PDB file of N, CA and C in Angstrom:
ATOM      1  N   UNK A   1       0.946  -1.751  -0.086  1.00  0.00           N
ATOM      2  CA  UNK A   1       0.008  -0.279  -0.150  1.00  0.00           C
ATOM      3  C   UNK A   1       1.431   1.064   0.165  1.00  0.00           C
ATOM      4  N   UNK A   2       1.930   1.554   0.224  1.00  0.00           N
ATOM      5  CA  UNK A   2       3.025   2.623   1.043  1.00  0.00           C
ATOM      6  C   UNK A   2       3.699   2.741  -0.194  1.00  0.00           C
ATOM      7  N   UNK A   3       3.636   1.609  -0.961  1.00  0.00           N
ATOM      8  CA  UNK A   3       4.694   1.842  -2.384  1.00  0.00           C
ATOM      9  C   UNK A   3       3.574   1.895  -3.718  1.00  0.00           C
ATOM     10  N   UNK A   4       2.387   1.476  -3.592  1.00  0.00           N
ATOM     11  CA  UNK A   4       1.559   2.461  -4.447  1.00  0.00           C
ATOM     12  C   UNK A   4       1.976   3.553  -3.782  1.00  0.00           C
ATOM     13  N   UNK A   5       1.653   4.188  -2.681  1.00  0.00           N
ATOM     14  CA  UNK A   5       1.009   6.177  -2.703  1.00  0.00           C
ATOM     15  C   UNK A   5       1.966   6.198  -3.428  1.00  0.00           C
ATOM     16  N   UNK A   6       3.019   5.867  -2.671  1.00  0.00           N
ATOM     17  CA  UNK A   6       4.225   6.774  -3.316  1.00  0.00           C
ATOM     18  C   UNK A   6       4.319   7.264  -4.799  1.00  0.00           C
ATOM     19  N   UNK A   7       3.981   5.678  -5.187  1.00  0.00           N
ATOM     20  CA  UNK A   7       3.840   6.353  -7.296  1.00  0.00           C
ATOM     21  C   UNK A   7       2.870   6.210  -7.656  1.00  0.00           C
ATOM     22  N   UNK A   8       1.373   6.691  -7.306  1.00  0.00           N
ATOM     23  CA  UNK A   8       0.565   7.346  -7.264  1.00  0.00           C
ATOM     24  C   UNK A   8       1.523   9.327  -7.014  1.00  0.00           C
ATOM     25  N   UNK A   9       1.696   9.202  -6.560  1.00  0.00           N
ATOM     26  CA  UNK A   9       2.629  10.579  -5.804  1.00  0.00           C
ATOM     27  C   UNK A   9       3.715  11.024  -6.221  1.00  0.00           C
ATOM     28  N   UNK A  10       4.438   9.854  -7.422  1.00  0.00           N
ATOM     29  CA  UNK A  10       5.418  10.162  -8.773  1.00  0.00           C
ATOM     30  C   UNK A  10       5.252  10.297  -9.501  1.00  0.00           C
ATOM     31  N   UNK A  11       3.757  10.222 -10.209  1.00  0.00           N
ATOM     32  CA  UNK A  11       3.274   9.895 -11.113  1.00  0.00           C
ATOM     33  C   UNK A  11       2.687  11.392 -11.113  1.00  0.00           C
ATOM     34  N   UNK A  12       1.675  11.030 -10.393  1.00  0.00           N
ATOM     35  CA  UNK A  12       0.895  12.802 -10.603  1.00  0.00           C
ATOM     36  C   UNK A  12       2.119  13.985 -11.043  1.00  0.00           C
ATOM     37  N   UNK A  13       3.123  13.513  -9.468  1.00  0.00           N
ATOM     38  CA  UNK A  13       4.379  15.074  -9.954  1.00  0.00           C
ATOM     39  C   UNK A  13       5.434  14.597 -10.914  1.00  0.00           C
ATOM     40  N   UNK A  14       5.315  13.573 -11.970  1.00  0.00           N
ATOM     41  CA  UNK A  14       5.459  14.069 -13.392  1.00  0.00           C
ATOM     42  C   UNK A  14       4.989  14.783 -14.260  1.00  0.00           C
ATOM     43  N   UNK A  15       2.894  14.412 -14.186  1.00  0.00           N
ATOM     44  CA  UNK A  15       2.547  15.098 -14.995  1.00  0.00           C
ATOM     45  C   UNK A  15       2.282  16.907 -14.454  1.00  0.00           C
ATOM     46  N   UNK A  16       2.255  16.685 -13.294  1.00  0.00           N
ATOM     47  CA  UNK A  16       2.463  18.105 -13.375  1.00  0.00           C
ATOM     48  C   UNK A  16       4.000  19.139 -14.131  1.00  0.00           C
ATOM     49  N   UNK A  17       5.353  18.194 -13.729  1.00  0.00           N
ATOM     50  CA  UNK A  17       5.691  18.894 -14.728  1.00  0.00           C
ATOM     51  C   UNK A  17       5.887  18.484 -16.135  1.00  0.00           C
ATOM     52  N   UNK A  18       5.118  17.979 -16.408  1.00  0.00           N
ATOM     53  CA  UNK A  18       4.969  18.297 -17.546  1.00  0.00           C
ATOM     54  C   UNK A  18       4.346  18.925 -18.283  1.00  0.00           C
ATOM     55  N   UNK A  19       3.119  18.930 -17.028  1.00  0.00           N
ATOM     56  CA  UNK A  19       1.465  19.893 -18.077  1.00  0.00           C
ATOM     57  C   UNK A  19       2.760  21.851 -17.340  1.00  0.00           C
ATOM     58  N   UNK A  20       3.670  21.802 -16.864  1.00  0.00           N
ATOM     59  CA  UNK A  20       4.258  22.718 -16.519  1.00  0.00           C
ATOM     60  C   UNK A  20       5.482  23.438 -18.440  1.00  0.00           C
ATOM     61  N   UNK A  21       5.715  22.502 -18.469  1.00  0.00           N
ATOM     62  CA  UNK A  21       7.033  21.672 -19.610  1.00  0.00           C
ATOM     63  C   UNK A  21       6.594  22.409 -21.643  1.00  0.00           C
ATOM     64  N   UNK A  22       4.860  22.123 -21.205  1.00  0.00           N
ATOM     65  CA  UNK A  22       4.598  22.460 -22.278  1.00  0.00           C
ATOM     66  C   UNK A  22       3.222  23.821 -22.267  1.00  0.00           C
ATOM     67  N   UNK A  23       3.109  24.058 -21.012  1.00  0.00           N
ATOM     68  CA  UNK A  23       2.753  25.207 -21.082  1.00  0.00           C
ATOM     69  C   UNK A  23       4.053  25.775 -21.974  1.00  0.00           C
ATOM     70  N   UNK A  24       4.553  25.865 -20.897  1.00  0.00           N
ATOM     71  CA  UNK A  24       5.823  26.736 -21.631  1.00  0.00           C
ATOM     72  C   UNK A  24       6.161  26.888 -22.956  1.00  0.00           C
ATOM     73  N   UNK A  25       5.484  25.650 -23.705  1.00  0.00           N
ATOM     74  CA  UNK A  25       6.357  25.092 -24.968  1.00  0.00           C
ATOM     75  C   UNK A  25       4.591  26.088 -25.550  1.00  0.00           C
ATOM     76  N   UNK A  26       3.873  25.820 -24.959  1.00  0.00           N
ATOM     77  CA  UNK A  26       2.539  26.388 -25.757  1.00  0.00           C
ATOM     78  C   UNK A  26       3.076  28.157 -26.293  1.00  0.00           C
ATOM     79  N   UNK A  27       3.991  29.001 -24.670  1.00  0.00           N
ATOM     80  CA  UNK A  27       3.771  30.403 -24.423  1.00  0.00           C
ATOM     81  C   UNK A  27       5.060  30.475 -25.114  1.00  0.00           C
ATOM     82  N   UNK A  28       6.011  29.915 -25.626  1.00  0.00           N
ATOM     83  CA  UNK A  28       7.496  30.307 -25.929  1.00  0.00           C
ATOM     84  C   UNK A  28       7.945  30.275 -25.553  1.00  0.00           C
ATOM     85  N   UNK A  29       7.941  29.731 -23.966  1.00  0.00           N
ATOM     86  CA  UNK A  29       9.047  30.894 -23.088  1.00  0.00           C
ATOM     87  C   UNK A  29       9.891  29.813 -22.551  1.00  0.00           C
ATOM     88  N   UNK A  30      10.686  29.877 -21.925  1.00  0.00           N
ATOM     89  CA  UNK A  30      12.204  28.463 -21.955  1.00  0.00           C
ATOM     90  C   UNK A  30      11.500  28.118 -20.187  1.00  0.00           C
ATOM     91  N   UNK A  31      11.075  26.896 -20.485  1.00  0.00           N
ATOM     92  CA  UNK A  31      10.761  26.349 -18.888  1.00  0.00           C
ATOM     93  C   UNK A  31      12.087  25.867 -17.817  1.00  0.00           C
ATOM     94  N   UNK A  32      13.193  25.995 -18.211  1.00  0.00           N
ATOM     95  CA  UNK A  32      14.332  25.652 -17.829  1.00  0.00           C
ATOM     96  C   UNK A  32      14.814  27.356 -17.313  1.00  0.00           C
ATOM     97  N   UNK A  33      14.771  28.561 -18.142  1.00  0.00           N
ATOM     98  CA  UNK A  33      14.765  29.715 -17.561  1.00  0.00           C
ATOM     99  C   UNK A  33      13.774  29.650 -16.110  1.00  0.00           C
ATOM    100  N   UNK A  34      12.684  30.002 -16.097  1.00  0.00           N
ATOM    101  CA  UNK A  34      11.849  29.706 -15.565  1.00  0.00           C
ATOM    102  C   UNK A  34      12.134  28.255 -14.100  1.00  0.00           C
ATOM    103  N   UNK A  35      11.665  27.762 -14.278  1.00  0.00           N
ATOM    104  CA  UNK A  35      12.682  27.146 -13.015  1.00  0.00           C
ATOM    105  C   UNK A  35      13.482  27.226 -11.978  1.00  0.00           C
ATOM    106  N   UNK A  36      14.873  27.384 -12.864  1.00  0.00           N
ATOM    107  CA  UNK A  36      15.958  28.602 -12.417  1.00  0.00           C
ATOM    108  C   UNK A  36      16.275  30.388 -11.534  1.00  0.00           C
ATOM    109  N   UNK A  37      14.762  30.813 -12.159  1.00  0.00           N
ATOM    110  CA  UNK A  37      14.439  31.504 -11.571  1.00  0.00           C
ATOM    111  C   UNK A  37      13.583  31.190 -10.506  1.00  0.00           C
ATOM    112  N   UNK A  38      13.057  30.514 -10.202  1.00  0.00           N
ATOM    113  CA  UNK A  38      12.033  30.808  -8.881  1.00  0.00           C
ATOM    114  C   UNK A  38      12.494  29.415  -8.102  1.00  0.00           C
ATOM    115  N   UNK A  39      13.965  28.499  -8.408  1.00  0.00           N
ATOM    116  CA  UNK A  39      14.754  27.587  -7.413  1.00  0.00           C
ATOM    117  C   UNK A  39      16.443  27.979  -8.140  1.00  0.00           C
ATOM    118  N   UNK A  40      17.128  28.989  -7.546  1.00  0.00           N
ATOM    119  CA  UNK A  40      18.083  29.511  -7.872  1.00  0.00           C
ATOM    120  C   UNK A  40      18.930  28.831  -7.469  1.00  0.00           C
ATOM    121  N   UNK A  41      18.842  28.343  -6.135  1.00  0.00           N
ATOM    122  CA  UNK A  41      19.922  27.381  -5.340  1.00  0.00           C
ATOM    123  C   UNK A  41      19.653  25.469  -6.260  1.00  0.00           C
ATOM    124  N   UNK A  42      18.379  25.242  -7.170  1.00  0.00           N
ATOM    125  CA  UNK A  42      18.626  24.654  -6.911  1.00  0.00           C
ATOM    126  C   UNK A  42      19.382  23.507  -8.393  1.00  0.00           C
ATOM    127  N   UNK A  43      20.175  22.791  -9.168  1.00  0.00           N
ATOM    128  CA  UNK A  43      20.589  22.257 -10.107  1.00  0.00           C
ATOM    129  C   UNK A  43      19.731  21.393 -10.926  1.00  0.00           C
ATOM    130  N   UNK A  44      19.983  21.107 -12.185  1.00  0.00           N
ATOM    131  CA  UNK A  44      18.986  20.970 -13.468  1.00  0.00           C
ATOM    132  C   UNK A  44      18.289  19.869 -12.927  1.00  0.00           C
ATOM    133  N   UNK A  45      16.674  19.920 -13.107  1.00  0.00           N
ATOM    134  CA  UNK A  45      15.191  18.509 -12.090  1.00  0.00           C
ATOM    135  C   UNK A  45      15.801  17.705 -13.307  1.00  0.00           C
ATOM    136  N   UNK A  46      16.098  17.012 -13.291  1.00  0.00           N
ATOM    137  CA  UNK A  46      15.750  16.301 -14.275  1.00  0.00           C
ATOM    138  C   UNK A  46      14.635  15.319 -14.967  1.00  0.00           C
ATOM    139  N   UNK A  47      13.646  15.465 -13.903  1.00  0.00           N
ATOM    140  CA  UNK A  47      12.334  14.854 -14.469  1.00  0.00           C
ATOM    141  C   UNK A  47      11.632  16.072 -15.616  1.00  0.00           C
ATOM    142  N   UNK A  48      12.699  17.872 -15.853  1.00  0.00           N
ATOM    143  CA  UNK A  48      12.224  18.691 -15.503  1.00  0.00           C
ATOM    144  C   UNK A  48      12.939  18.755 -17.322  1.00  0.00           C
ATOM    145  N   UNK A  49      14.083  17.487 -17.940  1.00  0.00           N
ATOM    146  CA  UNK A  49      14.702  17.917 -18.965  1.00  0.00           C
ATOM    147  C   UNK A  49      13.363  16.767 -19.314  1.00  0.00           C
ATOM    148  N   UNK A  50      12.948  15.911 -19.115  1.00  0.00           N
ATOM    149  CA  UNK A  50      12.448  14.531 -19.430  1.00  0.00           C
ATOM    150  C   UNK A  50      10.792  14.922 -19.997  1.00  0.00           C
ATOM    151  N   UNK A  51      10.457  15.342 -19.438  1.00  0.00           N
ATOM    152  CA  UNK A  51       9.273  16.795 -19.464  1.00  0.00           C
ATOM    153  C   UNK A  51       9.373  17.313 -20.607  1.00  0.00           C
ATOM    154  N   UNK A  52      11.021  18.619 -21.030  1.00  0.00           N
ATOM    155  CA  UNK A  52      10.474  18.807 -21.699  1.00  0.00           C
ATOM    156  C   UNK A  52      10.627  17.787 -23.725  1.00  0.00           C
ATOM    157  N   UNK A  53      11.854  16.433 -22.902  1.00  0.00           N
ATOM    158  CA  UNK A  53      11.523  16.251 -24.699  1.00  0.00           C
ATOM    159  C   UNK A  53       9.775  15.433 -24.420  1.00  0.00           C
ATOM    160  N   UNK A  54       9.321  14.969 -23.754  1.00  0.00           N
ATOM    161  CA  UNK A  54       7.842  14.838 -23.981  1.00  0.00           C
ATOM    162  C   UNK A  54       7.065  15.835 -24.334  1.00  0.00           C
ATOM    163  N   UNK A  55       7.681  17.008 -24.933  1.00  0.00           N
ATOM    164  CA  UNK A  55       6.405  17.889 -25.448  1.00  0.00           C
ATOM    165  C   UNK A  55       5.953  18.086 -26.112  1.00  0.00           C
ATOM    166  N   UNK A  56       5.390  18.945 -26.730  1.00  0.00           N
ATOM    167  CA  UNK A  56       4.596  18.352 -28.483  1.00  0.00           C
ATOM    168  C   UNK A  56       4.814  20.111 -29.006  1.00  0.00           C
ATOM    169  N   UNK A  57       4.606  20.674 -29.992  1.00  0.00           N
ATOM    170  CA  UNK A  57       4.595  21.440 -30.574  1.00  0.00           C
ATOM    171  C   UNK A  57       3.293  22.311 -30.278  1.00  0.00           C
ATOM    172  N   UNK A  58       3.367  24.162 -30.270  1.00  0.00           N
ATOM    173  CA  UNK A  58       2.337  24.207 -29.223  1.00  0.00           C
ATOM    174  C   UNK A  58       0.595  23.135 -29.964  1.00  0.00           C
ATOM    175  N   UNK A  59       1.280  24.144 -31.591  1.00  0.00           N
ATOM    176  CA  UNK A  59       0.086  24.009 -32.469  1.00  0.00           C
ATOM    177  C   UNK A  59      -0.244  22.571 -32.498  1.00  0.00           C
ATOM    178  N   UNK A  60       0.376  21.542 -31.736  1.00  0.00           N
ATOM    179  CA  UNK A  60      -0.092  20.142 -31.788  1.00  0.00           C
ATOM    180  C   UNK A  60      -0.878  19.841 -30.099  1.00  0.00           C
ATOM    181  N   UNK A  61      -0.524  21.346 -29.102  1.00  0.00           N
ATOM    182  CA  UNK A  61      -0.808  20.268 -28.449  1.00  0.00           C
ATOM    183  C   UNK A  61      -3.015  20.876 -27.192  1.00  0.00           C
ATOM    184  N   UNK A  62      -3.485  21.098 -26.857  1.00  0.00           N
ATOM    185  CA  UNK A  62      -4.309  21.634 -26.144  1.00  0.00           C
ATOM    186  C   UNK A  62      -3.853  22.997 -25.280  1.00  0.00           C
ATOM    187  N   UNK A  63      -4.799  23.407 -25.486  1.00  0.00           N
ATOM    188  CA  UNK A  63      -4.670  25.089 -24.757  1.00  0.00           C
ATOM    189  C   UNK A  63      -4.549  23.866 -22.848  1.00  0.00           C
ATOM    190  N   UNK A  64      -3.369  24.560 -22.128  1.00  0.00           N
ATOM    191  CA  UNK A  64      -3.265  24.708 -21.082  1.00  0.00           C
ATOM    192  C   UNK A  64      -4.180  26.383 -20.774  1.00  0.00           C
ATOM    193  N   UNK A  65      -5.130  26.134 -19.768  1.00  0.00           N
ATOM    194  CA  UNK A  65      -5.201  27.209 -18.976  1.00  0.00           C
ATOM    195  C   UNK A  65      -4.132  28.010 -18.126  1.00  0.00           C
ATOM    196  N   UNK A  66      -3.766  29.554 -17.710  1.00  0.00           N
ATOM    197  CA  UNK A  66      -2.767  29.173 -16.498  1.00  0.00           C
ATOM    198  C   UNK A  66      -3.059  29.459 -15.635  1.00  0.00           C
ATOM    199  N   UNK A  67      -4.428  29.335 -15.456  1.00  0.00           N
ATOM    200  CA  UNK A  67      -4.992  29.019 -13.653  1.00  0.00           C
ATOM    201  C   UNK A  67      -5.090  27.267 -13.606  1.00  0.00           C
ATOM    202  N   UNK A  68      -5.165  27.506 -14.218  1.00  0.00           N
ATOM    203  CA  UNK A  68      -4.691  25.279 -14.135  1.00  0.00           C
ATOM    204  C   UNK A  68      -3.628  24.724 -14.150  1.00  0.00           C
ATOM    205  N   UNK A  69      -2.247  25.737 -14.673  1.00  0.00           N
ATOM    206  CA  UNK A  69      -1.261  25.293 -14.820  1.00  0.00           C
ATOM    207  C   UNK A  69      -1.134  26.023 -12.629  1.00  0.00           C
ATOM    208  N   UNK A  70      -0.444  27.518 -12.580  1.00  0.00           N
ATOM    209  CA  UNK A  70      -1.315  27.514 -11.110  1.00  0.00           C
ATOM    210  C   UNK A  70      -1.734  27.031 -10.021  1.00  0.00           C
ATOM    211  N   UNK A  71      -3.234  26.115 -10.422  1.00  0.00           N
ATOM    212  CA  UNK A  71      -3.704  25.188  -9.804  1.00  0.00           C
ATOM    213  C   UNK A  71      -2.691  24.266  -9.161  1.00  0.00           C
ATOM    214  N   UNK A  72      -2.032  23.429  -9.655  1.00  0.00           N
ATOM    215  CA  UNK A  72      -1.375  22.347 -10.472  1.00  0.00           C
ATOM    216  C   UNK A  72      -0.127  22.797  -9.349  1.00  0.00           C
ATOM    217  N   UNK A  73       0.673  23.872  -9.770  1.00  0.00           N
ATOM    218  CA  UNK A  73       1.955  23.920  -9.448  1.00  0.00           C
ATOM    219  C   UNK A  73       1.325  23.968  -7.750  1.00  0.00           C
ATOM    220  N   UNK A  74       0.756  24.665  -7.715  1.00  0.00           N
ATOM    221  CA  UNK A  74       0.762  25.548  -6.367  1.00  0.00           C
ATOM    222  C   UNK A  74      -0.186  24.179  -5.521  1.00  0.00           C
ATOM    223  N   UNK A  75      -0.618  23.188  -5.911  1.00  0.00           N
ATOM    224  CA  UNK A  75      -1.218  21.707  -5.361  1.00  0.00           C
ATOM    225  C   UNK A  75      -0.116  20.874  -4.794  1.00  0.00           C
ATOM    226  N   UNK A  76       0.849  20.899  -5.974  1.00  0.00           N
ATOM    227  CA  UNK A  76       2.583  20.335  -5.196  1.00  0.00           C
ATOM    228  C   UNK A  76       3.386  21.143  -4.686  1.00  0.00           C
ATOM    229  N   UNK A  77       2.941  22.697  -3.975  1.00  0.00           N
ATOM    230  CA  UNK A  77       3.911  23.454  -3.381  1.00  0.00           C
ATOM    231  C   UNK A  77       4.804  24.272  -4.253  1.00  0.00           C
ATOM    232  N   UNK A  78       4.578  24.487  -4.639  1.00  0.00           N
ATOM    233  CA  UNK A  78       6.318  25.287  -5.531  1.00  0.00           C
ATOM    234  C   UNK A  78       5.505  26.564  -6.532  1.00  0.00           C
ATOM    235  N   UNK A  79       4.801  27.319  -5.618  1.00  0.00           N
ATOM    236  CA  UNK A  79       4.398  28.815  -5.325  1.00  0.00           C
ATOM    237  C   UNK A  79       5.225  29.355  -5.661  1.00  0.00           C
ATOM    238  N   UNK A  80       6.431  29.163  -5.679  1.00  0.00           N
ATOM    239  CA  UNK A  80       7.508  29.952  -6.278  1.00  0.00           C
ATOM    240  C   UNK A  80       7.426  29.786  -8.054  1.00  0.00           C
ATOM    241  N   UNK A  81       7.206  28.533  -8.131  1.00  0.00           N
ATOM    242  CA  UNK A  81       7.313  28.262  -9.835  1.00  0.00           C
ATOM    243  C   UNK A  81       6.003  29.616 -10.276  1.00  0.00           C
ATOM    244  N   UNK A  82       5.027  29.536  -9.683  1.00  0.00           N
ATOM    245  CA  UNK A  82       3.574  29.695  -9.999  1.00  0.00           C
ATOM    246  C   UNK A  82       3.468  30.988  -9.821  1.00  0.00           C
ATOM    247  N   UNK A  83       4.266  31.832  -8.652  1.00  0.00           N
ATOM    248  CA  UNK A  83       4.656  33.158  -8.942  1.00  0.00           C
ATOM    249  C   UNK A  83       5.497  33.546 -10.273  1.00  0.00           C
ATOM    250  N   UNK A  84       6.406  33.283 -10.691  1.00  0.00           N
ATOM    251  CA  UNK A  84       7.155  33.451 -11.633  1.00  0.00           C
ATOM    252  C   UNK A  84       6.699  33.071 -13.094  1.00  0.00           C
ATOM    253  N   UNK A  85       5.814  31.941 -13.625  1.00  0.00           N
ATOM    254  CA  UNK A  85       5.089  31.884 -13.916  1.00  0.00           C
ATOM    255  C   UNK A  85       3.444  33.030 -14.382  1.00  0.00           C
ATOM    256  N   UNK A  86       2.969  33.417 -13.252  1.00  0.00           N
ATOM    257  CA  UNK A  86       2.648  34.031 -12.903  1.00  0.00           C
ATOM    258  C   UNK A  86       1.989  35.572 -13.030  1.00  0.00           C
ATOM    259  N   UNK A  87       4.435  35.658 -13.190  1.00  0.00           N
ATOM    260  CA  UNK A  87       4.599  36.770 -13.523  1.00  0.00           C
ATOM    261  C   UNK A  87       5.256  37.249 -15.567  1.00  0.00           C
ATOM    262  N   UNK A  88       5.491  36.423 -15.210  1.00  0.00           N
ATOM    263  CA  UNK A  88       5.623  36.241 -17.264  1.00  0.00           C
ATOM    264  C   UNK A  88       3.534  36.435 -17.952  1.00  0.00           C
ATOM    265  N   UNK A  89       3.458  35.602 -17.289  1.00  0.00           N
ATOM    266  CA  UNK A  89       1.735  35.855 -17.869  1.00  0.00           C
ATOM    267  C   UNK A  89       1.677  37.527 -17.846  1.00  0.00           C
ATOM    268  N   UNK A  90       1.537  38.407 -17.215  1.00  0.00           N
ATOM    269  CA  UNK A  90       1.654  39.318 -17.006  1.00  0.00           C
ATOM    270  C   UNK A  90       2.047  39.918 -17.947  1.00  0.00           C
ATOM    271  N   UNK A  91       3.199  39.793 -18.596  1.00  0.00           N
ATOM    272  CA  UNK A  91       4.525  40.529 -19.654  1.00  0.00           C
ATOM    273  C   UNK A  91       3.122  40.212 -20.935  1.00  0.00           C
ATOM    274  N   UNK A  92       2.964  39.826 -20.813  1.00  0.00           N
ATOM    275  CA  UNK A  92       1.685  39.436 -22.474  1.00  0.00           C
ATOM    276  C   UNK A  92       0.889  40.185 -22.857  1.00  0.00           C
TER     277      UNK A  92
END
């Protein structure tokens, strides 16, 4: 049971990272740059690198509303990244 809970959390976390990476692609933003701005003390995120490889061109992607992205990021405690994404949307 414990392993199943951990695996489910990891899958959900991977989905959150993919949503972030695809949202960035859809808005022509660099997900690594945004991540590094939010978390300058952290090294390259391997899960983010994998998610970027899994993204599709924005023309092939469904729209990901910014509100959805911010909610998903907050659900996983990524408020700093949510703030950076929110700031980027204010610029456009």
